[in-house]
Protein backbone atom coordinates (compact mmCIF):
# COMPACT_ATOMS: atom_id res chain seq x y z
CA UNK A 1 106.16 294.95 -62.47
CA UNK A 2 108.67 294.93 -65.35
CA UNK A 3 110.70 292.24 -63.64
CA UNK A 4 107.65 290.07 -63.05
CA UNK A 5 106.79 290.36 -66.85
CA UNK A 6 110.31 289.46 -67.86
CA UNK A 7 110.35 286.37 -65.65
CA UNK A 8 106.91 285.36 -66.65
CA UNK A 9 106.95 282.15 -68.78
CA UNK A 10 103.98 280.42 -70.26
CA UNK A 11 103.22 276.78 -70.73
CA UNK A 12 101.96 275.31 -73.98
CA UNK A 13 101.21 271.72 -74.95
CA UNK A 14 104.75 270.87 -76.05
CA UNK A 15 106.66 272.41 -73.15
CA UNK A 16 107.68 275.69 -71.57
CA UNK A 17 109.20 278.60 -73.58
CA UNK A 18 111.01 281.32 -71.78
CA UNK A 19 110.25 284.84 -72.70
CA UNK A 20 113.20 286.07 -70.63
CA UNK A 21 115.82 285.36 -73.28
CA UNK A 22 113.91 287.24 -76.08
CA UNK A 23 113.28 290.23 -73.80
CA UNK A 24 117.02 290.45 -72.84
CA UNK A 25 118.28 289.84 -76.32
CA UNK A 26 118.61 293.35 -77.95
CA UNK A 27 119.89 291.96 -81.25
CA UNK A 28 117.47 289.65 -82.98
CA UNK A 29 118.75 286.12 -83.59
CA UNK A 30 117.43 285.24 -87.02
CA UNK A 31 117.49 281.93 -88.72
CA UNK A 32 117.55 280.94 -92.42
CA UNK A 33 117.41 277.29 -93.37
CA UNK A 34 118.26 276.62 -96.99
CA UNK A 35 116.92 273.24 -97.70
CA UNK A 36 117.75 271.90 -101.25
CA UNK A 37 116.39 268.67 -102.63
CA UNK A 38 118.78 265.67 -103.39
CA UNK A 39 121.89 267.89 -103.25
CA UNK A 40 124.69 265.39 -102.86
CA UNK A 41 127.73 266.41 -100.73
CA UNK A 42 129.90 265.19 -103.59
CA UNK A 43 128.51 268.08 -105.73
CA UNK A 44 129.59 270.88 -103.19
CA UNK A 45 133.13 271.83 -103.92
CA UNK A 46 133.80 272.70 -100.21
CA UNK A 47 133.75 268.84 -99.65
CA UNK A 48 136.60 268.38 -101.99
CA UNK A 49 135.08 265.39 -103.81
CA UNK A 50 135.71 264.47 -107.46
CA UNK A 51 133.41 267.19 -108.88
CA UNK A 52 135.12 270.07 -106.99
CA UNK A 53 137.32 271.24 -109.91
CA UNK A 54 134.95 270.92 -112.79
CA UNK A 55 131.76 272.12 -110.87
CA UNK A 56 132.65 274.65 -108.15
CA UNK A 57 130.11 276.07 -105.84
CA UNK A 58 131.71 279.25 -104.70
CA UNK A 59 128.63 280.79 -102.80
CA UNK A 60 128.05 277.66 -100.70
CA UNK A 61 131.77 277.20 -100.27
CA UNK A 62 131.97 280.79 -98.84
CA UNK A 63 129.47 279.82 -96.12
CA UNK A 64 131.61 276.92 -95.23
CA UNK A 65 134.92 278.81 -95.34
CA UNK A 66 133.45 281.61 -93.19
CA UNK A 67 131.48 279.17 -91.00
CA UNK A 68 131.55 275.39 -90.30
CA UNK A 69 131.38 272.42 -92.47
CA UNK A 70 130.15 269.10 -91.11
CA UNK A 71 131.86 266.14 -92.70
CA UNK A 72 129.79 263.38 -90.87
CA UNK A 73 126.25 264.74 -91.36
CA UNK A 74 123.46 262.09 -91.93
CA UNK A 75 119.83 261.57 -92.17
CA UNK A 76 117.53 259.07 -90.35
CA UNK A 77 115.46 257.97 -93.45
CA UNK A 78 116.86 258.87 -96.92
CA UNK A 79 113.62 260.02 -98.71
CA UNK A 80 112.19 263.46 -99.23
CA UNK A 81 109.06 263.80 -97.05
CA UNK A 82 110.20 261.78 -94.06
CA UNK A 83 113.43 263.73 -94.07
CA UNK A 84 111.54 267.14 -94.13
CA UNK A 85 109.26 266.01 -91.34
CA UNK A 86 112.34 265.10 -89.28
CA UNK A 87 113.87 268.42 -89.84
CA UNK A 88 110.75 270.32 -88.76
CA UNK A 89 110.25 268.28 -85.56
CA UNK A 90 113.68 266.96 -84.49
CA UNK A 91 112.16 263.41 -84.39
CA UNK A 92 112.81 260.14 -86.17
CA UNK A 93 110.14 259.11 -88.66
CA UNK A 94 108.39 256.69 -86.34
CA UNK A 95 107.89 259.62 -83.95
CA UNK A 96 106.78 262.25 -86.36
CA UNK A 97 104.45 259.99 -88.40
CA UNK A 98 105.93 260.32 -91.87
CA UNK A 99 107.63 257.07 -92.72
CA UNK A 100 107.30 257.14 -96.53
CA UNK A 101 105.92 259.34 -99.22
CA UNK A 102 102.42 258.21 -98.44
CA UNK A 103 101.58 259.80 -95.08
CA UNK A 104 100.22 263.26 -94.42
CA UNK A 105 102.19 265.33 -92.00
CA UNK A 106 100.45 266.19 -88.71
CA UNK A 107 100.99 269.89 -88.37
CA UNK A 108 99.58 269.97 -84.88
CA UNK A 109 102.75 268.53 -83.43
CA UNK A 110 105.44 270.82 -82.14
CA UNK A 111 107.72 272.14 -84.95
CA UNK A 112 110.45 274.72 -85.31
CA UNK A 113 107.87 277.00 -86.94
CA UNK A 114 105.09 276.69 -84.35
CA UNK A 115 107.58 276.90 -81.36
CA UNK A 116 109.32 279.94 -82.62
CA UNK A 117 106.09 281.57 -83.66
CA UNK A 118 104.73 281.27 -80.22
CA UNK A 119 108.03 282.76 -78.93
CA UNK A 120 107.54 285.93 -80.98
CA UNK A 121 109.30 285.03 -84.23
CA UNK A 122 108.12 285.73 -87.70
CA UNK A 123 108.12 282.43 -89.35
CA UNK A 124 107.96 281.59 -93.17
CA UNK A 125 108.48 278.82 -95.67
CA UNK A 126 108.95 279.44 -99.36
CA UNK A 127 109.56 276.94 -102.12
CA UNK A 128 109.34 273.14 -101.63
CA UNK A 129 107.10 271.77 -98.81
CA UNK A 130 106.15 268.27 -100.04
CA UNK A 131 104.33 267.18 -96.93
CA UNK A 132 100.80 266.77 -98.36
CA UNK A 133 99.07 268.69 -95.50
CA UNK A 134 99.25 272.53 -95.58
CA UNK A 135 101.98 274.30 -93.59
CA UNK A 136 101.12 275.09 -90.03
CA UNK A 137 102.92 277.52 -87.60
CA UNK A 138 104.12 279.78 -90.33
CA UNK A 139 103.32 283.44 -90.42
CA UNK A 140 103.60 283.19 -94.09
CA UNK A 141 103.89 280.41 -96.49
CA UNK A 142 104.34 280.28 -100.33
CA UNK A 143 105.02 276.70 -101.57
CA UNK A 144 105.17 274.52 -104.55
CA UNK A 145 102.59 271.91 -105.22
CA UNK A 146 104.00 268.54 -104.68
CA UNK A 147 107.29 268.48 -106.49
CA UNK A 148 106.55 271.67 -108.46
CA UNK A 149 108.09 272.46 -111.85
CA UNK A 150 111.41 273.77 -112.93
CA UNK A 151 109.85 276.46 -115.20
CA UNK A 152 106.76 278.57 -114.66
CA UNK A 153 105.61 276.59 -111.71
CA UNK A 154 102.42 276.84 -109.60
CA UNK A 155 102.84 278.28 -106.05
CA UNK A 156 100.25 277.96 -103.44
CA UNK A 157 99.65 280.40 -100.51
CA UNK A 158 96.70 280.68 -98.02
CA UNK A 159 95.00 282.72 -100.64
CA UNK A 160 95.17 280.19 -103.42
CA UNK A 161 97.32 279.03 -106.39
CA UNK A 162 99.15 281.19 -108.98
CA UNK A 163 101.73 280.46 -111.68
CA UNK A 164 104.94 282.35 -111.39
CA UNK A 165 107.00 282.90 -114.56
CA UNK A 166 110.67 281.97 -114.51
CA UNK A 167 113.15 279.37 -113.42
CA UNK A 168 112.03 277.84 -110.12
CA UNK A 169 115.25 278.53 -107.99
CA UNK A 170 115.31 282.12 -109.14
CA UNK A 171 111.54 282.52 -108.36
CA UNK A 172 111.96 280.92 -104.86
CA UNK A 173 114.84 283.25 -103.95
CA UNK A 174 112.92 286.25 -105.35
CA UNK A 175 110.10 285.38 -103.13
CA UNK A 176 112.40 284.95 -100.09
CA UNK A 177 114.09 288.28 -100.56
CA UNK A 178 110.68 289.89 -101.07
CA UNK A 179 109.37 288.54 -97.92
CA UNK A 180 112.54 289.73 -96.01
CA UNK A 181 112.18 293.13 -97.45
CA UNK A 182 108.44 293.73 -97.52
CA UNK A 183 106.58 290.85 -96.06
CA UNK A 184 107.69 290.44 -92.45
CA UNK A 185 107.42 292.61 -89.30
CA UNK A 186 110.91 293.90 -89.02
CA UNK A 187 110.48 294.49 -85.28
CA UNK A 188 110.51 290.70 -84.71
CA UNK A 189 113.29 288.21 -85.22
CA UNK A 190 112.47 285.75 -88.12
CA UNK A 191 112.99 282.11 -89.00
CA UNK A 192 112.68 281.41 -92.71
CA UNK A 193 113.02 278.06 -94.63
CA UNK A 194 114.06 278.39 -98.31
CA UNK A 195 113.03 275.09 -99.99
CA UNK A 196 114.76 274.61 -103.31
CA UNK A 197 113.13 272.13 -105.66
CA UNK A 198 116.58 271.83 -107.39
CA UNK A 199 118.42 269.55 -107.88
CA UNK A 200 115.62 266.87 -107.82
CA UNK A 201 114.98 264.69 -110.75
CA UNK A 202 114.13 265.31 -113.49
CA UNK A 203 117.17 267.56 -113.79
CA UNK A 204 116.25 270.65 -115.82
CA UNK A 205 118.85 273.43 -115.70
CA UNK A 206 118.09 277.05 -116.35
CA UNK A 207 118.24 278.25 -119.87
CA UNK A 208 121.74 279.91 -119.41
CA UNK A 209 123.09 276.63 -118.13
CA UNK A 210 121.61 274.08 -120.55
CA UNK A 211 124.95 273.54 -122.30
CA UNK A 212 127.50 274.51 -119.64
CA UNK A 213 128.82 271.15 -119.09
CA UNK A 214 128.52 269.70 -122.61
CA UNK A 215 132.36 269.82 -123.20
CA UNK A 216 133.30 268.79 -119.71
CA UNK A 217 134.39 265.26 -118.97
CA UNK A 218 132.72 264.68 -115.71
CA UNK A 219 134.76 262.29 -113.50
CA UNK A 220 133.23 258.94 -112.95
CA UNK A 221 133.00 257.25 -109.46
CA UNK A 222 135.36 254.32 -109.22
CA UNK A 223 132.47 251.95 -108.58
CA UNK A 224 130.27 253.02 -111.47
CA UNK A 225 130.26 249.54 -112.71
CA UNK A 226 129.59 247.76 -109.35
CA UNK A 227 128.21 244.24 -109.85
CA UNK A 228 127.01 244.17 -106.21
CA UNK A 229 128.62 240.84 -105.77
CA UNK A 230 129.84 242.12 -102.37
CA UNK A 231 126.38 242.86 -101.07
CA UNK A 232 123.23 240.91 -100.34
CA UNK A 233 121.73 239.10 -103.37
CA UNK A 234 118.80 241.46 -103.37
CA UNK A 235 121.00 244.33 -104.13
CA UNK A 236 121.06 243.01 -107.82
CA UNK A 237 117.26 243.46 -107.91
CA UNK A 238 117.25 247.19 -107.08
CA UNK A 239 115.94 249.08 -110.11
CA UNK A 240 117.77 252.45 -109.89
CA UNK A 241 121.03 251.45 -111.69
CA UNK A 242 122.00 253.52 -114.73
CA UNK A 243 122.04 250.55 -117.05
CA UNK A 244 118.30 250.10 -116.40
CA UNK A 245 117.32 253.73 -116.21
CA UNK A 246 114.35 254.56 -118.55
CA UNK A 247 115.20 256.75 -121.45
CA UNK A 248 112.88 259.56 -120.33
CA UNK A 249 115.01 260.29 -117.32
CA UNK A 250 118.04 261.41 -119.32
CA UNK A 251 117.19 262.01 -122.93
CA UNK A 252 115.53 265.35 -123.27
CA UNK A 253 113.79 265.08 -126.73
CA UNK A 254 111.39 267.84 -127.58
CA UNK A 255 110.65 267.92 -131.26
CA UNK A 256 111.44 264.17 -131.27
CA UNK A 257 113.46 263.32 -134.51
CA UNK A 258 111.89 260.30 -136.32
CA UNK A 259 114.94 258.08 -135.72
CA UNK A 260 114.59 258.50 -131.86
CA UNK A 261 112.00 256.28 -130.08
CA UNK A 262 109.21 257.68 -128.11
CA UNK A 263 110.46 258.54 -124.58
CA UNK A 264 107.17 259.72 -123.01
CA UNK A 265 106.02 256.22 -121.98
CA UNK A 266 107.90 256.24 -118.70
CA UNK A 267 107.55 258.46 -115.67
CA UNK A 268 110.69 260.47 -116.35
CA UNK A 269 109.65 261.13 -119.98
CA UNK A 270 106.22 262.38 -118.70
CA UNK A 271 107.90 264.82 -116.31
CA UNK A 272 110.04 266.25 -119.13
CA UNK A 273 106.89 266.57 -121.39
CA UNK A 274 105.04 268.34 -118.55
CA UNK A 275 107.99 270.71 -118.09
CA UNK A 276 108.21 271.37 -121.86
CA UNK A 277 104.52 272.18 -122.06
CA UNK A 278 105.06 275.03 -119.50
CA UNK A 279 107.69 276.73 -121.63
CA UNK A 280 106.93 279.69 -123.84
CA UNK A 281 107.48 279.45 -127.68
CA UNK A 282 110.95 281.17 -127.38
CA UNK A 283 111.96 278.95 -124.44
CA UNK A 284 110.91 275.82 -126.42
CA UNK A 285 113.24 276.91 -129.27
CA UNK A 286 116.07 277.30 -126.83
CA UNK A 287 115.43 273.87 -125.45
CA UNK A 288 115.09 272.27 -128.84
CA UNK A 289 118.45 273.87 -129.97
CA UNK A 290 120.26 272.74 -126.69
CA UNK A 291 119.27 269.07 -126.99
CA UNK A 292 118.43 268.20 -130.66
CA UNK A 293 121.87 267.72 -132.11
CA UNK A 294 123.14 265.76 -129.06
CA UNK A 295 120.01 263.58 -129.12
CA UNK A 296 120.31 262.77 -132.68
CA UNK A 297 124.07 261.93 -132.28
CA UNK A 298 123.20 259.61 -129.48
CA UNK A 299 120.50 257.83 -131.48
CA UNK A 300 122.91 257.34 -134.34
CA UNK A 301 125.64 256.10 -132.14
CA UNK A 302 123.47 253.09 -130.82
CA UNK A 303 125.55 252.69 -127.76
CA UNK A 304 125.47 249.39 -125.69
CA UNK A 305 126.78 248.05 -122.45
CA UNK A 306 129.29 250.15 -120.50
CA UNK A 307 129.38 252.75 -123.27
CA UNK A 308 125.79 253.47 -122.83
CA UNK A 309 126.17 253.59 -119.08
CA UNK A 310 128.89 256.16 -119.45
CA UNK A 311 126.92 258.13 -121.84
CA UNK A 312 123.84 258.22 -119.37
CA UNK A 313 126.13 259.17 -116.58
CA UNK A 314 127.63 262.19 -118.52
CA UNK A 315 124.16 263.36 -119.53
CA UNK A 316 122.49 263.37 -116.20
CA UNK A 317 125.45 264.84 -114.51
CA UNK A 318 125.57 267.68 -117.10
CA UNK A 319 121.92 268.49 -116.16
CA UNK A 320 122.30 267.88 -112.47
CA UNK A 321 125.29 270.21 -112.20
CA UNK A 322 123.47 272.85 -114.17
CA UNK A 323 120.73 272.77 -111.58
CA UNK A 324 123.26 273.10 -108.82
CA UNK A 325 125.06 275.98 -110.49
CA UNK A 326 121.72 277.93 -110.23
CA UNK A 327 121.29 276.86 -106.66
CA UNK A 328 124.66 278.31 -105.88
CA UNK A 329 123.95 281.61 -107.70
CA UNK A 330 120.97 282.05 -105.59
CA UNK A 331 122.59 281.34 -102.29
CA UNK A 332 124.89 284.16 -103.34
CA UNK A 333 121.94 286.45 -104.10
CA UNK A 334 120.42 285.67 -100.78
CA UNK A 335 123.63 286.28 -98.83
CA UNK A 336 124.20 289.56 -100.68
CA UNK A 337 120.94 290.78 -99.54
CA UNK A 338 121.66 289.85 -95.90
CA UNK A 339 125.05 291.69 -96.03
CA UNK A 340 123.57 294.62 -97.79
CA UNK A 341 120.89 295.00 -95.09
CA UNK A 342 123.19 294.28 -92.23
CA UNK A 343 121.51 291.06 -91.35
CA UNK A 344 124.27 288.58 -91.94
CA UNK A 345 126.18 289.01 -88.61
CA UNK A 346 123.39 287.71 -86.31
CA UNK A 347 121.60 285.43 -88.83
CA UNK A 348 122.25 281.70 -88.50
CA UNK A 349 122.27 280.32 -92.02
CA UNK A 350 122.21 276.60 -92.47
CA UNK A 351 122.67 275.19 -95.88
CA UNK A 352 121.63 271.41 -96.22
CA UNK A 353 119.74 268.85 -98.33
CA UNK A 354 116.88 266.54 -97.36
CA UNK A 355 119.24 263.68 -98.00
CA UNK A 356 122.21 262.60 -100.14
CA UNK A 357 122.14 261.11 -103.57
CA UNK A 358 124.01 258.47 -105.48
CA UNK A 359 125.81 260.21 -108.47
CA UNK A 360 126.74 257.00 -110.08
CA UNK A 361 128.22 255.27 -107.19
CA UNK A 362 127.45 251.60 -107.14
CA UNK A 363 125.78 252.35 -110.53
CA UNK A 364 122.92 254.11 -108.90
CA UNK A 365 121.15 257.41 -109.46
CA UNK A 366 118.59 257.83 -106.57
CA UNK A 367 118.88 257.63 -102.75
CA UNK A 368 116.90 255.45 -99.99
CA UNK A 369 119.73 253.09 -99.10
CA UNK A 370 121.90 253.35 -95.92
CA UNK A 371 125.02 253.34 -98.10
CA UNK A 372 127.10 256.48 -97.55
CA UNK A 373 126.17 258.57 -100.69
CA UNK A 374 122.38 258.46 -99.76
CA UNK A 375 122.74 258.30 -96.01
CA UNK A 376 125.14 261.17 -95.73
CA UNK A 377 124.03 264.84 -96.43
CA UNK A 378 125.79 268.09 -96.69
CA UNK A 379 125.60 270.46 -93.71
CA UNK A 380 127.10 273.83 -93.60
CA UNK A 381 126.40 276.72 -91.02
CA UNK A 382 127.33 280.25 -91.07
CA UNK A 383 126.91 282.85 -88.31
CA UNK A 384 129.89 285.30 -87.83
CA UNK A 385 128.60 286.31 -84.27
CA UNK A 386 129.04 282.76 -82.95
CA UNK A 387 131.07 280.65 -85.44
CA UNK A 388 134.75 281.10 -86.12
CA UNK A 389 135.32 280.70 -89.81
CA UNK A 390 137.06 277.74 -91.38
CA UNK A 391 135.81 275.13 -88.81
CA UNK A 392 135.43 271.55 -89.84
CA UNK A 393 133.54 269.01 -87.77
CA UNK A 394 133.94 265.24 -87.82
CA UNK A 395 131.34 264.62 -85.10
CA UNK A 396 128.51 262.27 -86.02
CA UNK A 397 125.38 264.51 -86.60
CA UNK A 398 121.97 263.88 -87.93
CA UNK A 399 118.94 265.77 -89.21
CA UNK A 400 117.13 265.18 -85.88
CA UNK A 401 119.67 267.75 -84.65
CA UNK A 402 118.58 270.70 -86.85
CA UNK A 403 115.54 271.61 -84.70
CA UNK A 404 117.19 271.66 -81.38
CA UNK A 405 120.07 273.71 -82.83
CA UNK A 406 117.65 276.37 -84.28
CA UNK A 407 115.77 276.59 -81.06
CA UNK A 408 118.90 276.66 -78.98
CA UNK A 409 120.34 279.55 -81.08
CA UNK A 410 117.07 281.41 -80.74
CA UNK A 411 117.21 281.06 -76.95
CA UNK A 412 114.03 279.05 -76.83
CA UNK A 413 113.63 276.02 -74.61
CA UNK A 414 113.94 272.68 -76.50
CA UNK A 415 110.86 270.32 -75.83
CA UNK A 416 111.79 267.10 -74.25
CA UNK A 417 110.18 265.03 -77.07
CA UNK A 418 112.76 266.27 -79.57
CA UNK A 419 115.36 263.46 -80.08
CA UNK A 420 118.14 265.36 -81.54
CA UNK A 421 120.94 267.34 -79.77
CA UNK A 422 121.82 271.08 -80.31
CA UNK A 423 124.81 271.54 -82.56
CA UNK A 424 125.69 274.88 -81.08
CA UNK A 425 128.37 273.37 -78.90
CA UNK A 426 129.89 271.76 -81.88
CA UNK A 427 129.79 274.92 -83.85
CA UNK A 428 131.22 277.15 -81.12
CA UNK A 429 133.60 274.94 -79.07
CA UNK A 430 136.96 273.29 -80.05
CA UNK A 431 136.03 269.92 -78.68
CA UNK A 432 132.68 268.73 -77.31
CA UNK A 433 132.92 266.01 -74.68
CA UNK A 434 130.58 263.10 -74.49
CA UNK A 435 129.24 263.51 -78.05
CA UNK A 436 127.21 260.72 -79.53
CA UNK A 437 129.24 257.71 -80.82
CA UNK A 438 126.60 256.09 -83.19
CA UNK A 439 123.57 256.97 -85.36
CA UNK A 440 120.23 255.09 -86.02
CA UNK A 441 118.70 254.68 -89.48
CA UNK A 442 115.44 253.07 -90.71
CA UNK A 443 114.01 253.01 -94.26
CA UNK A 444 110.36 251.87 -94.53
CA UNK A 445 109.09 252.27 -98.05
CA UNK A 446 108.69 248.78 -99.30
CA UNK A 447 107.00 247.79 -101.47
CA UNK A 448 107.81 251.10 -103.03
CA UNK A 449 110.04 252.95 -105.44
CA UNK A 450 113.16 251.18 -106.79
CA UNK A 451 112.47 247.85 -105.03
CA UNK A 452 114.60 248.58 -102.00
CA UNK A 453 113.84 246.38 -98.98
CA UNK A 454 113.04 247.78 -95.57
CA UNK A 455 116.06 248.07 -93.44
CA UNK A 456 117.56 249.64 -90.24
CA UNK A 457 121.06 250.14 -89.20
CA UNK A 458 123.72 251.70 -86.96
CA UNK A 459 126.72 253.64 -87.93
CA UNK A 460 129.70 254.47 -85.78
CA UNK A 461 132.89 256.37 -86.51
CA UNK A 462 134.30 253.35 -88.18
CA UNK A 463 131.69 250.55 -88.81
CA UNK A 464 128.21 250.25 -90.31
CA UNK A 465 125.78 247.45 -89.70
CA UNK A 466 122.60 247.11 -91.83
CA UNK A 467 119.79 244.85 -91.09
CA UNK A 468 117.31 244.05 -93.79
CA UNK A 469 114.88 242.82 -91.31
CA UNK A 470 112.18 241.43 -93.79
CA UNK A 471 114.85 239.29 -95.39
CA UNK A 472 116.62 238.37 -92.22
CA UNK A 473 119.93 239.49 -93.83
CA UNK A 474 122.76 241.64 -92.69
CA UNK A 475 125.57 243.66 -94.16
CA UNK A 476 128.56 245.00 -92.21
CA UNK A 477 131.20 247.40 -93.62
CA UNK A 478 134.54 248.49 -92.18
CA UNK A 479 134.46 252.13 -93.40
CA UNK A 480 138.19 252.66 -92.85
CA UNK A 481 139.23 249.80 -95.04
CA UNK A 482 136.28 249.89 -97.43
CA UNK A 483 134.94 253.43 -97.61
CA UNK A 484 133.08 252.75 -100.87
CA UNK A 485 131.21 249.80 -99.20
CA UNK A 486 132.07 247.31 -101.91
CA UNK A 487 132.19 244.14 -99.86
CA UNK A 488 130.20 243.22 -96.75
CA UNK A 489 132.22 241.60 -94.07
CA UNK A 490 129.20 240.22 -92.08
CA UNK A 491 130.42 236.57 -92.33
CA UNK A 492 134.12 237.40 -91.61
CA UNK A 493 135.34 235.82 -88.44
CA UNK A 494 137.71 238.83 -88.07
CA UNK A 495 134.85 241.15 -87.34
CA UNK A 496 132.78 238.78 -85.21
CA UNK A 497 133.31 240.84 -82.01
CA UNK A 498 132.69 244.14 -83.78
CA UNK A 499 129.43 242.94 -85.19
CA UNK A 500 128.24 241.53 -81.92
CA UNK A 501 128.95 244.88 -80.28
CA UNK A 502 127.12 246.79 -82.93
CA UNK A 503 124.10 244.54 -82.54
CA UNK A 504 124.00 245.56 -78.97
CA UNK A 505 124.38 249.25 -79.97
CA UNK A 506 121.62 248.89 -82.41
CA UNK A 507 119.36 247.62 -79.74
CA UNK A 508 120.42 250.41 -77.46
CA UNK A 509 119.45 253.02 -80.04
CA UNK A 510 116.22 251.39 -80.63
CA UNK A 511 115.38 251.65 -77.00
CA UNK A 512 116.79 255.28 -76.70
CA UNK A 513 114.64 256.41 -79.62
CA UNK A 514 111.62 254.37 -78.62
CA UNK A 515 111.53 252.50 -82.08
CA UNK A 516 108.46 250.17 -82.20
CA UNK A 517 108.60 246.52 -83.20
CA UNK A 518 109.83 246.01 -86.75
CA UNK A 519 107.02 245.38 -89.16
């Protein structure tokens, strides 16, 4: 009788899940996915980029040092909602239905939450959701409305909406720890997604970090003043350059001195104004004190040209890094809880971001493009029971791989419709044979934010080919010789054979992932 029960498996609409693995597994295999927003790999010191010395992230680094760091981790569509849908489903945008910021996520399709829930897991998501429809498949959800606010933000649960006082990253972590301690059934394994709002624009640090980087000279990227002469001509029309950044995105003026123009006319200014309105009287005084003198000095200097770009870069990076410092603090808090409660050994902790971000590279400040800084995302995994510390992977991985990795670790069968591959072999083996040699990318949001044309592309270990299909234009980069992607070599006879092979590979990937005709 017992054997027949253990061997029993049940079919559900997305495939077959085996109960045998859960029944035989005496130690629960828990999962925590920490998903920050717009956290560039350049801003995690474990990646040893230009910010590592002046803005260390010791708690995230500890995960990498005691786990695995992926150095070639990418997304399939560099924008928030589509990336989150991909992470949940293990499918590219054209398969999960979220191509841009406009579509509502169809929660009836299989997700890591619904699959694990049916397999006996307690599932939760706390923090940023950003998928229009309400969460499905979660035993518990407590999420921000849309982007949320950095201070005193509204959170929504199945019971309704409530304002929670405090800095959003602290509040999200408080809620996560509270669910682990009091909200779950401790007899069951759990999967929890911690969705940080930070460090998404507008970048508003916590009170204690408002001035942390004021006296720090933040290193500039070498291509901060890129003229885009080496790219397609339309690259000059992209409106996310620092020189064209509206004042409201970077100049946090509260009491607004008379000699400073009104910043609240643009979207960024309105976000700051909304954030300011949520502060208490004492908090407003702290903010005024933090920015008033700096902004008055800025207005008096009347900077122009490259001097203005440099000032903008320093200001946004001061705020951005202040947000990240709080994220790192809270990663430390969460990991301390796991260790104190003896949950760390068999909990797979994954730290990542929904995509990368330009931090001044090419003169940009957002994402969306297939250039490395937006396309590449941090990915770190920690689980002492299966991952030997200090491991670094150079395999090409993508956010379609997160879902199958989580299901594989849980011992749950991976549905056939999932397009990614489990990363467990990469995490646990010295070398994985026959790993993928290329990645597919497609960006759909045009006309849309920042005037970036629709494009698709393929990346291999050395080369990248981008097709702006509405424009019938191409870019090709040799990433070994030109890692900063400063000059397209698409028309270079030297690379004619390589480009031809990449076009074949792009067609192969389109067929493999069942990409519909380009529109």
